[in-house]
Amino acid sequence: MTESTSPRSVGRPRKEDTTPNVLDVVRKLVRERGYEAVSVNLVASEAGVAKQTLYRRWPGKAEIVLDAFLESASKADGLVYTGLEATLTKYLRGLFRHLEADGPAIRNLIASAQADADFLERFTNRFVEPRAGHLRAILHSALEAGDLPPHSDLNVLTDMVHGAFWYRLLTGKALDSAYAAALAKQVSVAVTA
């Protein structure tokens, strides 16, 4: 009699990773219905997975939604510094491409965060601040390269750039390649004047 050396699995065989499908469903639901209308039950139903599957991976709705939009967000990781204006333009163009697709949903998340202090904290920590960190890293590279005056306040510069694009996002104004280049140019000119 030959014994198997592989362990027996208990219960149903596991499906392949359902995470990409779940995150796609969440983005679709938030875009179509808004953050407030999305629930873990709805996500489970639309994604064709059990609620337990979702709760094994995420503690609740806020985390699933944030992961969905973090996963699709443009990243500045690996962005090589090639001068302030050029690098900032490239960073902003990547960010704006993401916001072109997800802008209305992001506006909805911002609005929802105003009425929910816990979600505001999570949204700030997981969505806003990481992007500010990417921008501060670009500005720090500019400072080290001598492309910014030594007395430059990187936090204020970060707020200036983010303020410009958050304003345009919230007012529905274009966030396109041309605006990315114009904003980067103005920042470069302003800080070296």
N, C-alpha and C. Protein backbone atom coordinates (compact mmCIF):
# COMPACT_ATOMS: atom_id res chain seq x y z
N MET A 1 0.84 -1.18 0.00
CA MET A 1 0.00 0.00 0.00
C MET A 1 0.88 1.24 0.00
N THR A 2 0.61 2.15 -0.94
CA THR A 2 1.41 3.37 -1.06
C THR A 2 0.67 4.53 -0.43
N GLU A 3 1.38 5.29 0.40
CA GLU A 3 0.76 6.45 1.04
C GLU A 3 1.12 7.71 0.29
N SER A 4 0.18 8.59 0.17
CA SER A 4 0.40 9.87 -0.49
C SER A 4 1.18 10.78 0.45
N THR A 5 2.13 11.51 -0.10
CA THR A 5 2.91 12.44 0.71
C THR A 5 2.35 13.85 0.67
N SER A 6 1.39 14.10 -0.23
CA SER A 6 0.81 15.44 -0.29
C SER A 6 -0.34 15.54 0.70
N PRO A 7 -0.45 16.70 1.38
CA PRO A 7 -1.52 16.86 2.35
C PRO A 7 -2.87 16.94 1.65
N ARG A 8 -3.88 16.44 2.32
CA ARG A 8 -5.24 16.51 1.79
C ARG A 8 -5.81 17.88 2.08
N SER A 9 -6.53 18.40 1.11
CA SER A 9 -7.19 19.68 1.37
C SER A 9 -8.57 19.40 1.94
N VAL A 10 -8.99 20.29 2.79
CA VAL A 10 -10.29 20.16 3.42
C VAL A 10 -11.24 21.14 2.75
N GLY A 11 -12.47 20.73 2.52
CA GLY A 11 -13.47 21.61 1.94
C GLY A 11 -13.31 21.76 0.44
N ARG A 12 -14.01 22.78 -0.08
CA ARG A 12 -13.96 23.04 -1.51
C ARG A 12 -12.57 23.47 -1.94
N PRO A 13 -12.21 23.13 -3.17
CA PRO A 13 -10.93 23.65 -3.66
C PRO A 13 -11.00 25.17 -3.77
N ARG A 14 -9.89 25.84 -3.47
CA ARG A 14 -9.86 27.30 -3.52
C ARG A 14 -9.86 27.78 -4.96
N LYS A 15 -10.62 28.84 -5.20
CA LYS A 15 -10.57 29.49 -6.50
C LYS A 15 -9.24 30.22 -6.60
N GLU A 16 -8.86 30.51 -7.82
CA GLU A 16 -7.68 31.34 -7.99
C GLU A 16 -7.93 32.67 -7.30
N ASP A 17 -6.88 33.43 -7.10
CA ASP A 17 -7.00 34.70 -6.39
C ASP A 17 -8.14 35.54 -6.97
N THR A 18 -9.06 35.90 -6.11
CA THR A 18 -10.22 36.68 -6.53
C THR A 18 -9.99 38.19 -6.39
N THR A 19 -8.85 38.57 -5.84
CA THR A 19 -8.60 39.98 -5.56
C THR A 19 -8.76 40.89 -6.77
N PRO A 20 -8.13 40.60 -7.92
CA PRO A 20 -8.29 41.52 -9.06
C PRO A 20 -9.75 41.73 -9.46
N ASN A 21 -10.53 40.66 -9.47
CA ASN A 21 -11.95 40.77 -9.81
C ASN A 21 -12.69 41.62 -8.78
N VAL A 22 -12.43 41.37 -7.50
CA VAL A 22 -13.11 42.13 -6.44
C VAL A 22 -12.78 43.62 -6.58
N LEU A 23 -11.52 43.96 -6.79
CA LEU A 23 -11.13 45.36 -6.90
C LEU A 23 -11.75 46.02 -8.13
N ASP A 24 -11.84 45.29 -9.24
CA ASP A 24 -12.52 45.82 -10.43
C ASP A 24 -13.99 46.10 -10.14
N VAL A 25 -14.64 45.17 -9.46
CA VAL A 25 -16.06 45.33 -9.11
C VAL A 25 -16.24 46.54 -8.20
N VAL A 26 -15.37 46.70 -7.22
CA VAL A 26 -15.48 47.83 -6.29
C VAL A 26 -15.34 49.15 -7.04
N ARG A 27 -14.33 49.26 -7.91
CA ARG A 27 -14.16 50.50 -8.69
C ARG A 27 -15.42 50.79 -9.51
N LYS A 28 -15.96 49.76 -10.14
CA LYS A 28 -17.16 49.93 -10.97
C LYS A 28 -18.34 50.40 -10.11
N LEU A 29 -18.53 49.78 -8.96
CA LEU A 29 -19.65 50.14 -8.09
C LEU A 29 -19.52 51.56 -7.56
N VAL A 30 -18.32 51.95 -7.13
CA VAL A 30 -18.14 53.31 -6.61
C VAL A 30 -18.36 54.33 -7.73
N ARG A 31 -17.86 54.03 -8.93
CA ARG A 31 -18.06 54.94 -10.07
C ARG A 31 -19.55 55.10 -10.38
N GLU A 32 -20.28 53.98 -10.35
CA GLU A 32 -21.69 54.00 -10.75
C GLU A 32 -22.62 54.49 -9.65
N ARG A 33 -22.34 54.12 -8.39
CA ARG A 33 -23.30 54.36 -7.31
C ARG A 33 -22.81 55.28 -6.21
N GLY A 34 -21.50 55.49 -6.12
CA GLY A 34 -20.95 56.30 -5.04
C GLY A 34 -20.57 55.44 -3.85
N TYR A 35 -19.68 55.97 -3.04
CA TYR A 35 -19.14 55.24 -1.89
C TYR A 35 -20.24 54.81 -0.91
N GLU A 36 -21.15 55.72 -0.60
CA GLU A 36 -22.18 55.45 0.40
C GLU A 36 -23.07 54.26 0.02
N ALA A 37 -23.32 54.07 -1.27
CA ALA A 37 -24.21 53.00 -1.72
C ALA A 37 -23.54 51.63 -1.79
N VAL A 38 -22.22 51.61 -1.66
CA VAL A 38 -21.49 50.34 -1.74
C VAL A 38 -21.46 49.68 -0.37
N SER A 39 -21.69 48.37 -0.34
CA SER A 39 -21.61 47.61 0.91
C SER A 39 -20.82 46.33 0.64
N VAL A 40 -20.36 45.72 1.71
CA VAL A 40 -19.64 44.45 1.57
C VAL A 40 -20.56 43.41 0.94
N ASN A 41 -21.84 43.39 1.33
CA ASN A 41 -22.80 42.45 0.74
C ASN A 41 -22.91 42.65 -0.77
N LEU A 42 -23.01 43.91 -1.20
CA LEU A 42 -23.14 44.21 -2.62
C LEU A 42 -21.88 43.79 -3.38
N VAL A 43 -20.72 44.09 -2.82
CA VAL A 43 -19.46 43.70 -3.46
C VAL A 43 -19.39 42.19 -3.60
N ALA A 44 -19.72 41.47 -2.53
CA ALA A 44 -19.68 40.00 -2.57
C ALA A 44 -20.61 39.47 -3.66
N SER A 45 -21.82 40.01 -3.70
CA SER A 45 -22.80 39.57 -4.69
C SER A 45 -22.33 39.85 -6.12
N GLU A 46 -21.88 41.08 -6.36
CA GLU A 46 -21.45 41.47 -7.71
C GLU A 46 -20.17 40.75 -8.15
N ALA A 47 -19.29 40.45 -7.20
CA ALA A 47 -18.02 39.79 -7.53
C ALA A 47 -18.16 38.28 -7.56
N GLY A 48 -19.29 37.76 -7.08
CA GLY A 48 -19.50 36.32 -7.07
C GLY A 48 -18.63 35.59 -6.06
N VAL A 49 -18.42 36.23 -4.92
CA VAL A 49 -17.63 35.61 -3.85
C VAL A 49 -18.42 35.68 -2.55
N ALA A 50 -18.01 34.87 -1.60
CA ALA A 50 -18.66 34.88 -0.29
C ALA A 50 -18.19 36.08 0.52
N LYS A 51 -19.06 36.59 1.40
CA LYS A 51 -18.66 37.69 2.28
C LYS A 51 -17.43 37.31 3.09
N GLN A 52 -17.36 36.05 3.51
CA GLN A 52 -16.22 35.60 4.31
C GLN A 52 -14.91 35.77 3.54
N THR A 53 -14.96 35.56 2.23
CA THR A 53 -13.77 35.76 1.39
C THR A 53 -13.29 37.20 1.50
N LEU A 54 -14.22 38.13 1.46
CA LEU A 54 -13.86 39.54 1.57
C LEU A 54 -13.33 39.87 2.96
N TYR A 55 -14.02 39.37 3.99
CA TYR A 55 -13.60 39.69 5.36
C TYR A 55 -12.28 39.03 5.74
N ARG A 56 -11.89 37.97 5.04
CA ARG A 56 -10.58 37.38 5.30
C ARG A 56 -9.47 38.32 4.83
N ARG A 57 -9.77 39.07 3.81
CA ARG A 57 -8.75 39.96 3.21
C ARG A 57 -8.87 41.40 3.71
N TRP A 58 -10.08 41.88 3.95
CA TRP A 58 -10.30 43.26 4.34
C TRP A 58 -11.22 43.33 5.55
N PRO A 59 -10.94 44.20 6.52
CA PRO A 59 -11.81 44.30 7.69
C PRO A 59 -13.16 44.95 7.40
N GLY A 60 -13.26 45.73 6.32
CA GLY A 60 -14.54 46.37 6.03
C GLY A 60 -14.53 47.10 4.71
N LYS A 61 -15.62 47.79 4.44
CA LYS A 61 -15.83 48.46 3.16
C LYS A 61 -14.74 49.49 2.86
N ALA A 62 -14.38 50.31 3.82
CA ALA A 62 -13.40 51.38 3.57
C ALA A 62 -12.10 50.81 3.03
N GLU A 63 -11.64 49.71 3.62
CA GLU A 63 -10.37 49.12 3.20
C GLU A 63 -10.45 48.54 1.78
N ILE A 64 -11.59 47.92 1.46
CA ILE A 64 -11.75 47.37 0.10
C ILE A 64 -11.73 48.52 -0.92
N VAL A 65 -12.48 49.57 -0.63
CA VAL A 65 -12.56 50.69 -1.56
C VAL A 65 -11.19 51.35 -1.72
N LEU A 66 -10.51 51.59 -0.61
CA LEU A 66 -9.19 52.23 -0.71
C LEU A 66 -8.21 51.35 -1.48
N ASP A 67 -8.23 50.04 -1.22
CA ASP A 67 -7.35 49.14 -1.97
C ASP A 67 -7.67 49.18 -3.47
N ALA A 68 -8.95 49.27 -3.80
CA ALA A 68 -9.34 49.30 -5.21
C ALA A 68 -8.76 50.52 -5.91
N PHE A 69 -8.83 51.66 -5.25
CA PHE A 69 -8.33 52.88 -5.89
C PHE A 69 -6.83 53.05 -5.73
N LEU A 70 -6.25 52.48 -4.70
CA LEU A 70 -4.79 52.49 -4.58
C LEU A 70 -4.18 51.61 -5.65
N GLU A 71 -4.82 50.47 -5.90
CA GLU A 71 -4.32 49.50 -6.88
C GLU A 71 -4.31 50.09 -8.28
N SER A 72 -5.26 50.95 -8.58
CA SER A 72 -5.34 51.50 -9.93
C SER A 72 -4.59 52.82 -10.07
N ALA A 73 -4.11 53.35 -8.96
CA ALA A 73 -3.48 54.67 -8.99
C ALA A 73 -2.12 54.66 -9.65
N SER A 74 -1.84 55.76 -10.30
CA SER A 74 -0.51 55.94 -10.89
C SER A 74 0.51 56.10 -9.78
N LYS A 75 1.62 55.45 -9.94
CA LYS A 75 2.68 55.49 -8.93
C LYS A 75 3.88 56.25 -9.48
N ALA A 76 4.62 56.88 -8.58
CA ALA A 76 5.85 57.57 -8.97
C ALA A 76 7.06 56.71 -8.67
N ASP A 77 6.85 55.50 -8.15
CA ASP A 77 7.97 54.62 -7.87
C ASP A 77 8.77 54.41 -9.15
N GLY A 78 10.07 54.48 -9.03
CA GLY A 78 10.91 54.23 -10.18
C GLY A 78 11.07 55.42 -11.10
N LEU A 79 10.47 56.56 -10.75
CA LEU A 79 10.59 57.76 -11.56
C LEU A 79 12.00 58.31 -11.38
N VAL A 80 12.75 58.40 -12.46
CA VAL A 80 14.13 58.88 -12.40
C VAL A 80 14.12 60.40 -12.53
N TYR A 81 14.84 61.06 -11.64
CA TYR A 81 14.90 62.52 -11.65
C TYR A 81 15.73 63.00 -12.84
N THR A 82 15.10 63.83 -13.69
CA THR A 82 15.78 64.36 -14.88
C THR A 82 15.65 65.88 -14.95
N GLY A 83 15.49 66.51 -13.81
CA GLY A 83 15.27 67.95 -13.75
C GLY A 83 13.87 68.20 -13.21
N LEU A 84 13.69 69.33 -12.53
CA LEU A 84 12.43 69.59 -11.85
C LEU A 84 11.24 69.62 -12.81
N GLU A 85 11.31 70.43 -13.83
CA GLU A 85 10.15 70.57 -14.73
C GLU A 85 9.82 69.25 -15.43
N ALA A 86 10.83 68.57 -15.96
CA ALA A 86 10.60 67.32 -16.70
C ALA A 86 10.06 66.22 -15.79
N THR A 87 10.63 66.08 -14.61
CA THR A 87 10.20 65.01 -13.70
C THR A 87 8.81 65.30 -13.15
N LEU A 88 8.58 66.55 -12.79
CA LEU A 88 7.26 66.93 -12.27
C LEU A 88 6.19 66.75 -13.35
N THR A 89 6.50 67.11 -14.58
CA THR A 89 5.55 66.91 -15.68
C THR A 89 5.21 65.43 -15.84
N LYS A 90 6.22 64.58 -15.83
CA LYS A 90 5.99 63.14 -15.99
C LYS A 90 5.14 62.59 -14.83
N TYR A 91 5.47 63.00 -13.61
CA TYR A 91 4.70 62.56 -12.44
C TYR A 91 3.24 63.01 -12.56
N LEU A 92 3.03 64.28 -12.87
CA LEU A 92 1.66 64.81 -12.95
C LEU A 92 0.88 64.17 -14.09
N ARG A 93 1.51 63.92 -15.21
CA ARG A 93 0.80 63.26 -16.32
C ARG A 93 0.33 61.87 -15.91
N GLY A 94 1.16 61.13 -15.20
CA GLY A 94 0.76 59.81 -14.72
C GLY A 94 -0.39 59.90 -13.74
N LEU A 95 -0.30 60.84 -12.82
CA LEU A 95 -1.35 61.05 -11.84
C LEU A 95 -2.65 61.45 -12.51
N PHE A 96 -2.56 62.36 -13.47
CA PHE A 96 -3.76 62.85 -14.16
C PHE A 96 -4.41 61.76 -15.01
N ARG A 97 -3.61 60.86 -15.58
CA ARG A 97 -4.19 59.74 -16.34
C ARG A 97 -5.09 58.91 -15.42
N HIS A 98 -4.61 58.67 -14.22
CA HIS A 98 -5.41 57.93 -13.25
C HIS A 98 -6.68 58.70 -12.90
N LEU A 99 -6.54 59.99 -12.65
CA LEU A 99 -7.69 60.79 -12.25
C LEU A 99 -8.69 60.97 -13.39
N GLU A 100 -8.22 60.86 -14.63
CA GLU A 100 -9.13 60.94 -15.77
C GLU A 100 -10.17 59.82 -15.70
N ALA A 101 -9.71 58.63 -15.35
CA ALA A 101 -10.61 57.48 -15.25
C ALA A 101 -11.39 57.49 -13.94
N ASP A 102 -10.71 57.82 -12.85
CA ASP A 102 -11.31 57.67 -11.53
C ASP A 102 -11.71 58.99 -10.86
N GLY A 103 -11.54 60.11 -11.55
CA GLY A 103 -11.81 61.41 -10.95
C GLY A 103 -13.18 61.53 -10.29
N PRO A 104 -14.27 61.19 -10.99
CA PRO A 104 -15.58 61.30 -10.35
C PRO A 104 -15.70 60.43 -9.09
N ALA A 105 -15.14 59.24 -9.13
CA ALA A 105 -15.19 58.37 -7.95
C ALA A 105 -14.35 58.95 -6.82
N ILE A 106 -13.19 59.52 -7.15
CA ILE A 106 -12.34 60.13 -6.13
C ILE A 106 -13.06 61.32 -5.50
N ARG A 107 -13.73 62.13 -6.32
CA ARG A 107 -14.53 63.24 -5.77
C ARG A 107 -15.57 62.72 -4.80
N ASN A 108 -16.21 61.60 -5.15
CA ASN A 108 -17.20 61.00 -4.27
C ASN A 108 -16.56 60.53 -2.96
N LEU A 109 -15.37 59.95 -3.05
CA LEU A 109 -14.68 59.51 -1.83
C LEU A 109 -14.32 60.70 -0.95
N ILE A 110 -13.88 61.79 -1.57
CA ILE A 110 -13.55 63.00 -0.81
C ILE A 110 -14.80 63.52 -0.10
N ALA A 111 -15.92 63.56 -0.81
CA ALA A 111 -17.17 64.02 -0.20
C ALA A 111 -17.59 63.11 0.95
N SER A 112 -17.49 61.81 0.76
CA SER A 112 -17.85 60.87 1.81
C SER A 112 -16.95 61.02 3.02
N ALA A 113 -15.68 61.32 2.79
CA ALA A 113 -14.73 61.47 3.89
C ALA A 113 -15.06 62.68 4.76
N GLN A 114 -15.74 63.67 4.21
CA GLN A 114 -16.08 64.86 5.00
C GLN A 114 -17.13 64.55 6.06
N ALA A 115 -17.92 63.52 5.84
CA ALA A 115 -18.98 63.16 6.79
C ALA A 115 -18.61 61.99 7.68
N ASP A 116 -17.43 61.42 7.49
CA ASP A 116 -17.02 60.22 8.22
C ASP A 116 -15.56 60.38 8.63
N ALA A 117 -15.34 60.78 9.89
CA ALA A 117 -13.99 61.08 10.37
C ALA A 117 -13.05 59.88 10.26
N ASP A 118 -13.57 58.69 10.51
CA ASP A 118 -12.73 57.49 10.42
C ASP A 118 -12.30 57.26 8.97
N PHE A 119 -13.23 57.40 8.04
CA PHE A 119 -12.88 57.23 6.63
C PHE A 119 -11.94 58.34 6.17
N LEU A 120 -12.15 59.57 6.65
CA LEU A 120 -11.25 60.68 6.30
C LEU A 120 -9.82 60.35 6.71
N GLU A 121 -9.65 59.84 7.91
CA GLU A 121 -8.31 59.49 8.38
C GLU A 121 -7.69 58.39 7.50
N ARG A 122 -8.46 57.37 7.20
CA ARG A 122 -7.96 56.28 6.34
C ARG A 122 -7.65 56.78 4.93
N PHE A 123 -8.55 57.58 4.38
CA PHE A 123 -8.35 58.13 3.03
C PHE A 123 -7.09 58.99 2.99
N THR A 124 -6.92 59.82 4.01
CA THR A 124 -5.73 60.68 4.07
C THR A 124 -4.47 59.85 4.20
N ASN A 125 -4.46 58.89 5.11
CA ASN A 125 -3.26 58.08 5.36
C ASN A 125 -2.91 57.15 4.22
N ARG A 126 -3.90 56.62 3.55
CA ARG A 126 -3.62 55.60 2.54
C ARG A 126 -3.67 56.12 1.11
N PHE A 127 -4.35 57.24 0.88
CA PHE A 127 -4.49 57.73 -0.49
C PHE A 127 -3.78 59.07 -0.70
N VAL A 128 -4.07 60.05 0.15
CA VAL A 128 -3.53 61.40 -0.05
C VAL A 128 -2.04 61.47 0.31
N GLU A 129 -1.70 61.05 1.52
CA GLU A 129 -0.32 61.20 1.99
C GLU A 129 0.71 60.42 1.17
N PRO A 130 0.42 59.20 0.72
CA PRO A 130 1.41 58.52 -0.13
C PRO A 130 1.73 59.31 -1.41
N ARG A 131 0.73 59.94 -2.00
CA ARG A 131 0.97 60.74 -3.20
C ARG A 131 1.78 61.99 -2.85
N ALA A 132 1.47 62.58 -1.71
CA ALA A 132 2.26 63.73 -1.25
C ALA A 132 3.71 63.31 -1.01
N GLY A 133 3.90 62.11 -0.50
CA GLY A 133 5.25 61.59 -0.28
C GLY A 133 6.01 61.42 -1.58
N HIS A 134 5.34 60.94 -2.62
CA HIS A 134 5.98 60.81 -3.94
C HIS A 134 6.43 62.19 -4.44
N LEU A 135 5.55 63.16 -4.29
CA LEU A 135 5.87 64.51 -4.76
C LEU A 135 7.01 65.11 -3.93
N ARG A 136 6.97 64.93 -2.61
CA ARG A 136 8.06 65.44 -1.77
C ARG A 136 9.39 64.81 -2.16
N ALA A 137 9.37 63.53 -2.54
CA ALA A 137 10.61 62.86 -2.97
C ALA A 137 11.16 63.51 -4.25
N ILE A 138 10.28 63.85 -5.18
CA ILE A 138 10.71 64.55 -6.40
C ILE A 138 11.32 65.90 -6.03
N LEU A 139 10.64 66.63 -5.15
CA LEU A 139 11.13 67.94 -4.75
C LEU A 139 12.45 67.84 -3.98
N HIS A 140 12.59 66.80 -3.18
CA HIS A 140 13.85 66.57 -2.46
C HIS A 140 14.99 66.31 -3.45
N SER A 141 14.71 65.53 -4.49
CA SER A 141 15.72 65.30 -5.54
C SER A 141 16.10 66.62 -6.21
N ALA A 142 15.10 67.48 -6.44
CA ALA A 142 15.37 68.79 -7.04
C ALA A 142 16.24 69.64 -6.12
N LEU A 143 15.97 69.58 -4.84
CA LEU A 143 16.77 70.31 -3.85
C LEU A 143 18.22 69.82 -3.87
N GLU A 144 18.38 68.50 -3.86
CA GLU A 144 19.73 67.92 -3.88
C GLU A 144 20.47 68.24 -5.18
N ALA A 145 19.74 68.35 -6.28
CA ALA A 145 20.37 68.65 -7.58
C ALA A 145 20.65 70.14 -7.76
N GLY A 146 20.21 70.95 -6.80
CA GLY A 146 20.41 72.39 -6.91
C GLY A 146 19.36 73.07 -7.78
N ASP A 147 18.28 72.35 -8.11
CA ASP A 147 17.21 72.92 -8.94
C ASP A 147 16.18 73.70 -8.12
N LEU A 148 16.29 73.63 -6.81
CA LEU A 148 15.47 74.43 -5.90
C LEU A 148 16.40 75.21 -4.99
N PRO A 149 16.00 76.41 -4.60
CA PRO A 149 16.81 77.16 -3.65
C PRO A 149 16.94 76.38 -2.33
N PRO A 150 18.08 76.50 -1.64
CA PRO A 150 18.30 75.73 -0.42
C PRO A 150 17.27 75.99 0.69
N HIS A 151 16.65 77.14 0.69
CA HIS A 151 15.67 77.49 1.73
C HIS A 151 14.25 77.01 1.40
N SER A 152 14.07 76.27 0.33
CA SER A 152 12.74 75.83 -0.11
C SER A 152 12.05 74.98 0.95
N ASP A 153 10.78 75.25 1.17
CA ASP A 153 9.97 74.46 2.09
C ASP A 153 9.22 73.41 1.26
N LEU A 154 9.69 72.17 1.32
CA LEU A 154 9.13 71.11 0.48
C LEU A 154 7.67 70.81 0.82
N ASN A 155 7.29 70.98 2.08
CA ASN A 155 5.89 70.74 2.45
C ASN A 155 4.97 71.78 1.83
N VAL A 156 5.39 73.05 1.83
CA VAL A 156 4.58 74.10 1.22
C VAL A 156 4.51 73.90 -0.29
N LEU A 157 5.63 73.56 -0.92
CA LEU A 157 5.62 73.30 -2.36
C LEU A 157 4.70 72.12 -2.70
N THR A 158 4.74 71.09 -1.88
CA THR A 158 3.85 69.94 -2.08
C THR A 158 2.40 70.37 -1.99
N ASP A 159 2.08 71.18 -0.98
CA ASP A 159 0.71 71.68 -0.83
C ASP A 159 0.29 72.53 -2.03
N MET A 160 1.23 73.33 -2.56
CA MET A 160 0.91 74.17 -3.72
C MET A 160 0.54 73.32 -4.93
N VAL A 161 1.35 72.32 -5.22
CA VAL A 161 1.08 71.48 -6.39
C VAL A 161 -0.19 70.67 -6.18
N HIS A 162 -0.31 70.04 -5.01
CA HIS A 162 -1.52 69.25 -4.75
C HIS A 162 -2.75 70.14 -4.71
N GLY A 163 -2.63 71.31 -4.14
CA GLY A 163 -3.76 72.23 -4.09
C GLY A 163 -4.28 72.55 -5.48
N ALA A 164 -3.36 72.74 -6.42
CA ALA A 164 -3.77 73.06 -7.79
C ALA A 164 -4.55 71.92 -8.42
N PHE A 165 -4.05 70.69 -8.29
CA PHE A 165 -4.79 69.63 -8.99
C PHE A 165 -6.01 69.16 -8.22
N TRP A 166 -5.99 69.22 -6.87
CA TRP A 166 -7.21 68.87 -6.13
C TRP A 166 -8.32 69.88 -6.45
N TYR A 167 -7.95 71.16 -6.55
CA TYR A 167 -8.92 72.19 -6.90
C TYR A 167 -9.56 71.89 -8.25
N ARG A 168 -8.72 71.59 -9.23
CA ARG A 168 -9.25 71.30 -10.57
C ARG A 168 -10.10 70.03 -10.56
N LEU A 169 -9.68 69.03 -9.81
CA LEU A 169 -10.46 67.80 -9.71
C LEU A 169 -11.84 68.09 -9.11
N LEU A 170 -11.86 68.84 -8.01
CA LEU A 170 -13.12 69.10 -7.31
C LEU A 170 -14.05 70.01 -8.10
N THR A 171 -13.50 70.86 -8.95
CA THR A 171 -14.35 71.77 -9.74
C THR A 171 -14.64 71.24 -11.13
N GLY A 172 -14.14 70.05 -11.45
CA GLY A 172 -14.43 69.44 -12.74
C GLY A 172 -13.65 70.02 -13.90
N LYS A 173 -12.59 70.77 -13.61
CA LYS A 173 -11.76 71.33 -14.68
C LYS A 173 -10.80 70.27 -15.19
N ALA A 174 -10.33 70.48 -16.41
CA ALA A 174 -9.47 69.48 -17.07
C ALA A 174 -8.18 69.23 -16.31
N LEU A 175 -7.86 67.97 -16.16
CA LEU A 175 -6.57 67.52 -15.65
C LEU A 175 -5.96 66.69 -16.77
N ASP A 176 -5.27 67.37 -17.66
CA ASP A 176 -4.74 66.70 -18.85
C ASP A 176 -3.24 66.93 -18.97
N SER A 177 -2.68 66.41 -20.02
CA SER A 177 -1.25 66.51 -20.26
C SER A 177 -0.79 67.96 -20.35
N ALA A 178 -1.58 68.79 -21.00
CA ALA A 178 -1.22 70.21 -21.15
C ALA A 178 -1.18 70.90 -19.80
N TYR A 179 -2.17 70.61 -18.94
CA TYR A 179 -2.17 71.24 -17.61
C TYR A 179 -1.01 70.72 -16.77
N ALA A 180 -0.68 69.44 -16.89
CA ALA A 180 0.47 68.89 -16.16
C ALA A 180 1.74 69.65 -16.53
N ALA A 181 1.94 69.86 -17.82
CA ALA A 181 3.14 70.58 -18.28
C ALA A 181 3.12 72.04 -17.82
N ALA A 182 1.96 72.68 -17.89
CA ALA A 182 1.85 74.09 -17.48
C ALA A 182 2.10 74.24 -15.98
N LEU A 183 1.54 73.34 -15.18
CA LEU A 183 1.73 73.41 -13.73
C LEU A 183 3.19 73.18 -13.38
N ALA A 184 3.80 72.18 -13.99
CA ALA A 184 5.22 71.89 -13.72
C ALA A 184 6.09 73.08 -14.11
N LYS A 185 5.79 73.69 -15.25
CA LYS A 185 6.57 74.85 -15.70
C LYS A 185 6.43 76.02 -14.73
N GLN A 186 5.19 76.30 -14.30
CA GLN A 186 4.97 77.41 -13.38
C GLN A 186 5.67 77.18 -12.04
N VAL A 187 5.63 75.95 -11.55
CA VAL A 187 6.33 75.64 -10.30
C VAL A 187 7.82 75.87 -10.48
N SER A 188 8.38 75.37 -11.58
CA SER A 188 9.81 75.53 -11.85
C SER A 188 10.21 77.00 -11.94
N VAL A 189 9.40 77.79 -12.64
CA VAL A 189 9.69 79.22 -12.79
C VAL A 189 9.54 79.93 -11.45
N ALA A 190 8.48 79.64 -10.73
CA ALA A 190 8.20 80.34 -9.48
C ALA A 190 9.27 80.09 -8.42
N VAL A 191 9.74 78.87 -8.31
CA VAL A 191 10.69 78.56 -7.23
C VAL A 191 12.11 79.03 -7.56
N THR A 192 12.38 79.31 -8.82
CA THR A 192 13.72 79.76 -9.18
C THR A 192 13.78 81.27 -9.42
N ALA A 193 12.64 81.95 -9.28
CA ALA A 193 12.60 83.40 -9.52
C ALA A 193 13.27 84.18 -8.40
